[in-house]
Amino acid sequence: MTTERPENQGEPDWFPRLLDALERCARAGKVTTYAELAGEAGIPGPHAIHKLTEALERTVSRDHAEGRPLRAAAAVSKSRGGLPGPGFFQHCTALGLYFGPDRGPQAETFHRLELDRLFVKYRDAGGDV
C-alpha cells in the first residue's frame, strides 16, 4: 500500500515503499535488517544499501523536524547485534538528538528508547500516523 505524501516529493520511486515497510515494522513492533528493507522497498542496485542509508538519514531528519519518533530506528545492521549502523547515531548526533558513541551501552539505550517511542506511537495510533 504505497501512499503519496508530501515527504515523498523529489524522492526516488521506491521511497514510498521504504516508508511503508518501516511503518509495517513499527506497527508489528519489530526491526528489520538493511538488506531485508532494501529488498522489500525494491531499491535497485548497484549500491542499494548506500541508497537506503541515505534515505534513512533523510527520514530521520524529517521525523525529527516533525516531532515524530524516528522510523529509521526500525532498520538495523545484521552485523551490529540489533543496532543500526554508525551513520544512524552520527546523524542523530548532528541533529542534537544523541550524544555518545555509535556502539555500546549508551547507543543501545538510545536505540531502545527510540524503538519504544516508535512502537508505542504506531500501536496507539492503530496505523493512523
C-alpha atoms as a PDB file:
ATOM      1  CA  MET A   1       0.000   0.000   0.000  1.00  0.00           C
ATOM      2  CA  THR A   2       2.083   2.869  -1.297  1.00  0.00           C
ATOM      3  CA  THR A   3       0.795   6.265  -0.303  1.00  0.00           C
ATOM      4  CA  GLU A   4       1.510   9.659  -1.786  1.00  0.00           C
ATOM      5  CA  ARG A   5       2.730  12.060   0.869  1.00  0.00           C
ATOM      6  CA  PRO A   6       4.347  15.481   0.685  1.00  0.00           C
ATOM      7  CA  GLU A   7       7.536  13.961   2.146  1.00  0.00           C
ATOM      8  CA  ASN A   8       7.829  11.761  -0.954  1.00  0.00           C
ATOM      9  CA  GLN A   9       8.255  14.689  -3.359  1.00  0.00           C
ATOM     10  CA  GLY A  10      11.646  14.664  -5.037  1.00  0.00           C
ATOM     11  CA  GLU A  11      12.417  11.187  -3.736  1.00  0.00           C
ATOM     12  CA  PRO A  12      13.108   8.056  -5.799  1.00  0.00           C
ATOM     13  CA  ASP A  13      10.121   5.950  -6.821  1.00  0.00           C
ATOM     14  CA  TRP A  14      10.968   3.323  -4.178  1.00  0.00           C
ATOM     15  CA  PHE A  15      10.876   5.829  -1.288  1.00  0.00           C
ATOM     16  CA  PRO A  16       7.143   5.362  -0.510  1.00  0.00           C
ATOM     17  CA  ARG A  17       7.716   1.589  -0.341  1.00  0.00           C
ATOM     18  CA  LEU A  18      10.538   2.216   2.126  1.00  0.00           C
ATOM     19  CA  LEU A  19       8.275   4.292   4.367  1.00  0.00           C
ATOM     20  CA  ASP A  20       5.518   1.687   4.133  1.00  0.00           C
ATOM     21  CA  ALA A  21       7.949  -1.077   5.119  1.00  0.00           C
ATOM     22  CA  LEU A  22       9.262   0.921   8.091  1.00  0.00           C
ATOM     23  CA  GLU A  23       5.730   1.633   9.240  1.00  0.00           C
ATOM     24  CA  ARG A  24       4.750  -2.044   8.943  1.00  0.00           C
ATOM     25  CA  CYS A  25       7.699  -2.870  11.194  1.00  0.00           C
ATOM     26  CA  ALA A  26       6.610  -0.183  13.647  1.00  0.00           C
ATOM     27  CA  ARG A  27       3.028  -1.496  13.774  1.00  0.00           C
ATOM     28  CA  ALA A  28       4.334  -5.044  14.269  1.00  0.00           C
ATOM     29  CA  GLY A  29       6.802  -3.919  16.948  1.00  0.00           C
ATOM     30  CA  LYS A  30       9.776  -5.410  15.146  1.00  0.00           C
ATOM     31  CA  VAL A  31      13.005  -4.399  13.463  1.00  0.00           C
ATOM     32  CA  THR A  32      14.330  -5.373  10.050  1.00  0.00           C
ATOM     33  CA  THR A  33      17.811  -5.572   8.597  1.00  0.00           C
ATOM     34  CA  TYR A  34      19.074  -3.149   5.995  1.00  0.00           C
ATOM     35  CA  ALA A  35      19.237  -5.935   3.414  1.00  0.00           C
ATOM     36  CA  GLU A  36      15.657  -7.053   4.099  1.00  0.00           C
ATOM     37  CA  LEU A  37      14.435  -3.471   3.972  1.00  0.00           C
ATOM     38  CA  ALA A  38      16.249  -2.712   0.717  1.00  0.00           C
ATOM     39  CA  GLY A  39      14.690  -5.814  -0.820  1.00  0.00           C
ATOM     40  CA  GLU A  40      11.192  -5.051   0.452  1.00  0.00           C
ATOM     41  CA  ALA A  41      11.401  -1.452  -0.786  1.00  0.00           C
ATOM     42  CA  GLY A  42      12.726  -2.615  -4.169  1.00  0.00           C
ATOM     43  CA  ILE A  43      15.804  -0.393  -4.055  1.00  0.00           C
ATOM     44  CA  PRO A  44      17.777  -1.095  -7.215  1.00  0.00           C
ATOM     45  CA  GLY A  45      21.490  -1.789  -7.288  1.00  0.00           C
ATOM     46  CA  PRO A  46      24.203  -1.033  -7.533  1.00  0.00           C
ATOM     47  CA  HIS A  47      24.813   0.308  -4.035  1.00  0.00           C
ATOM     48  CA  ALA A  48      21.285  -0.415  -2.771  1.00  0.00           C
ATOM     49  CA  ILE A  49      22.356  -0.337   0.895  1.00  0.00           C
ATOM     50  CA  HIS A  50      24.101   3.006   0.412  1.00  0.00           C
ATOM     51  CA  LYS A  51      20.958   4.427  -1.225  1.00  0.00           C
ATOM     52  CA  LEU A  52      18.933   3.025   1.657  1.00  0.00           C
ATOM     53  CA  THR A  53      21.114   4.563   4.365  1.00  0.00           C
ATOM     54  CA  GLU A  54      20.979   7.972   2.700  1.00  0.00           C
ATOM     55  CA  ALA A  55      17.171   7.731   2.534  1.00  0.00           C
ATOM     56  CA  LEU A  56      17.040   6.661   6.178  1.00  0.00           C
ATOM     57  CA  GLU A  57      19.072   9.717   7.172  1.00  0.00           C
ATOM     58  CA  ARG A  58      16.636  11.977   5.302  1.00  0.00           C
ATOM     59  CA  THR A  59      13.791  10.216   7.092  1.00  0.00           C
ATOM     60  CA  VAL A  60      15.461  10.803  10.480  1.00  0.00           C
ATOM     61  CA  SER A  61      15.799  14.497   9.664  1.00  0.00           C
ATOM     62  CA  ARG A  62      12.160  14.785   8.630  1.00  0.00           C
ATOM     63  CA  ASP A  63      10.843  12.799  11.577  1.00  0.00           C
ATOM     64  CA  HIS A  64      12.864  14.929  13.981  1.00  0.00           C
ATOM     65  CA  ALA A  65      11.690  18.175  12.357  1.00  0.00           C
ATOM     66  CA  GLU A  66       8.075  16.999  12.679  1.00  0.00           C
ATOM     67  CA  GLY A  67       8.466  15.762  16.267  1.00  0.00           C
ATOM     68  CA  ARG A  68       7.841  12.157  15.247  1.00  0.00           C
ATOM     69  CA  PRO A  69       9.522   9.003  16.516  1.00  0.00           C
ATOM     70  CA  LEU A  70      12.392   8.004  14.255  1.00  0.00           C
ATOM     71  CA  ARG A  71      11.075   5.424  11.798  1.00  0.00           C
ATOM     72  CA  ALA A  72      14.652   4.634  10.750  1.00  0.00           C
ATOM     73  CA  ALA A  73      15.247   3.111  14.203  1.00  0.00           C
ATOM     74  CA  ALA A  74      13.413   0.034  12.894  1.00  0.00           C
ATOM     75  CA  ALA A  75      16.287  -0.630  10.461  1.00  0.00           C
ATOM     76  CA  VAL A  76      19.280  -2.426  11.942  1.00  0.00           C
ATOM     77  CA  SER A  77      22.572  -3.855  10.801  1.00  0.00           C
ATOM     78  CA  LYS A  78      22.826  -7.634  10.701  1.00  0.00           C
ATOM     79  CA  SER A  79      26.407  -7.388  11.972  1.00  0.00           C
ATOM     80  CA  ARG A  80      25.826  -4.992  14.914  1.00  0.00           C
ATOM     81  CA  GLY A  81      23.776  -7.111  17.273  1.00  0.00           C
ATOM     82  CA  GLY A  82      20.449  -5.425  16.590  1.00  0.00           C
ATOM     83  CA  LEU A  83      21.744  -1.861  16.394  1.00  0.00           C
ATOM     84  CA  PRO A  84      21.583   0.482  13.430  1.00  0.00           C
ATOM     85  CA  GLY A  85      24.826   1.293  11.653  1.00  0.00           C
ATOM     86  CA  PRO A  86      27.135   4.041  12.898  1.00  0.00           C
ATOM     87  CA  GLY A  87      25.605   6.538  10.468  1.00  0.00           C
ATOM     88  CA  PHE A  88      22.296   6.456  12.375  1.00  0.00           C
ATOM     89  CA  PHE A  89      24.000   7.554  15.582  1.00  0.00           C
ATOM     90  CA  GLN A  90      26.235  10.063  13.810  1.00  0.00           C
ATOM     91  CA  HIS A  91      23.246  11.632  12.077  1.00  0.00           C
ATOM     92  CA  CYS A  92      21.297  11.775  15.346  1.00  0.00           C
ATOM     93  CA  THR A  93      24.317  13.471  16.929  1.00  0.00           C
ATOM     94  CA  ALA A  94      24.445  16.043  14.113  1.00  0.00           C
ATOM     95  CA  LEU A  95      20.759  16.803  14.764  1.00  0.00           C
ATOM     96  CA  GLY A  96      21.362  17.178  18.510  1.00  0.00           C
ATOM     97  CA  LEU A  97      19.301  14.096  19.369  1.00  0.00           C
ATOM     98  CA  TYR A  98      22.096  11.924  20.707  1.00  0.00           C
ATOM     99  CA  PHE A  99      25.411  12.486  22.393  1.00  0.00           C
ATOM    100  CA  GLY A 100      27.549   9.389  22.628  1.00  0.00           C
ATOM    101  CA  PRO A 101      29.358   6.617  20.823  1.00  0.00           C
ATOM    102  CA  ASP A 102      27.877   4.629  17.941  1.00  0.00           C
ATOM    103  CA  ARG A 103      28.132   1.349  19.864  1.00  0.00           C
ATOM    104  CA  GLY A 104      27.991   0.096  23.417  1.00  0.00           C
ATOM    105  CA  PRO A 105      25.508   0.532  26.268  1.00  0.00           C
ATOM    106  CA  GLN A 106      24.748   4.201  25.602  1.00  0.00           C
ATOM    107  CA  ALA A 107      23.981   3.542  21.934  1.00  0.00           C
ATOM    108  CA  GLU A 108      21.880   0.515  22.890  1.00  0.00           C
ATOM    109  CA  THR A 109      19.862   2.586  25.372  1.00  0.00           C
ATOM    110  CA  PHE A 110      19.277   5.410  22.889  1.00  0.00           C
ATOM    111  CA  HIS A 111      18.194   2.951  20.219  1.00  0.00           C
ATOM    112  CA  ARG A 112      15.885   1.069  22.603  1.00  0.00           C
ATOM    113  CA  LEU A 113      14.248   4.355  23.679  1.00  0.00           C
ATOM    114  CA  GLU A 114      13.698   5.372  20.052  1.00  0.00           C
ATOM    115  CA  LEU A 115      12.239   1.961  19.240  1.00  0.00           C
ATOM    116  CA  ASP A 116       9.924   2.196  22.244  1.00  0.00           C
ATOM    117  CA  ARG A 117       8.716   5.644  21.123  1.00  0.00           C
ATOM    118  CA  LEU A 118       8.163   4.326  17.598  1.00  0.00           C
ATOM    119  CA  PHE A 119       6.359   1.145  18.608  1.00  0.00           C
ATOM    120  CA  VAL A 120       4.096   2.923  21.114  1.00  0.00           C
ATOM    121  CA  LYS A 121       3.192   5.638  18.599  1.00  0.00           C
ATOM    122  CA  TYR A 122       2.193   3.139  15.918  1.00  0.00           C
ATOM    123  CA  ARG A 123       0.469   0.759  18.333  1.00  0.00           C
ATOM    124  CA  ASP A 124      -1.592   3.550  19.910  1.00  0.00           C
ATOM    125  CA  ALA A 125      -2.397   5.172  16.560  1.00  0.00           C
ATOM    126  CA  GLY A 126      -3.774   1.946  15.138  1.00  0.00           C
ATOM    127  CA  GLY A 127      -1.973   2.695  11.883  1.00  0.00           C
ATOM    128  CA  ASP A 128      -3.259   6.270  11.581  1.00  0.00           C
ATOM    129  CA  VAL A 129       0.065   8.075  11.937  1.00  0.00           C
END
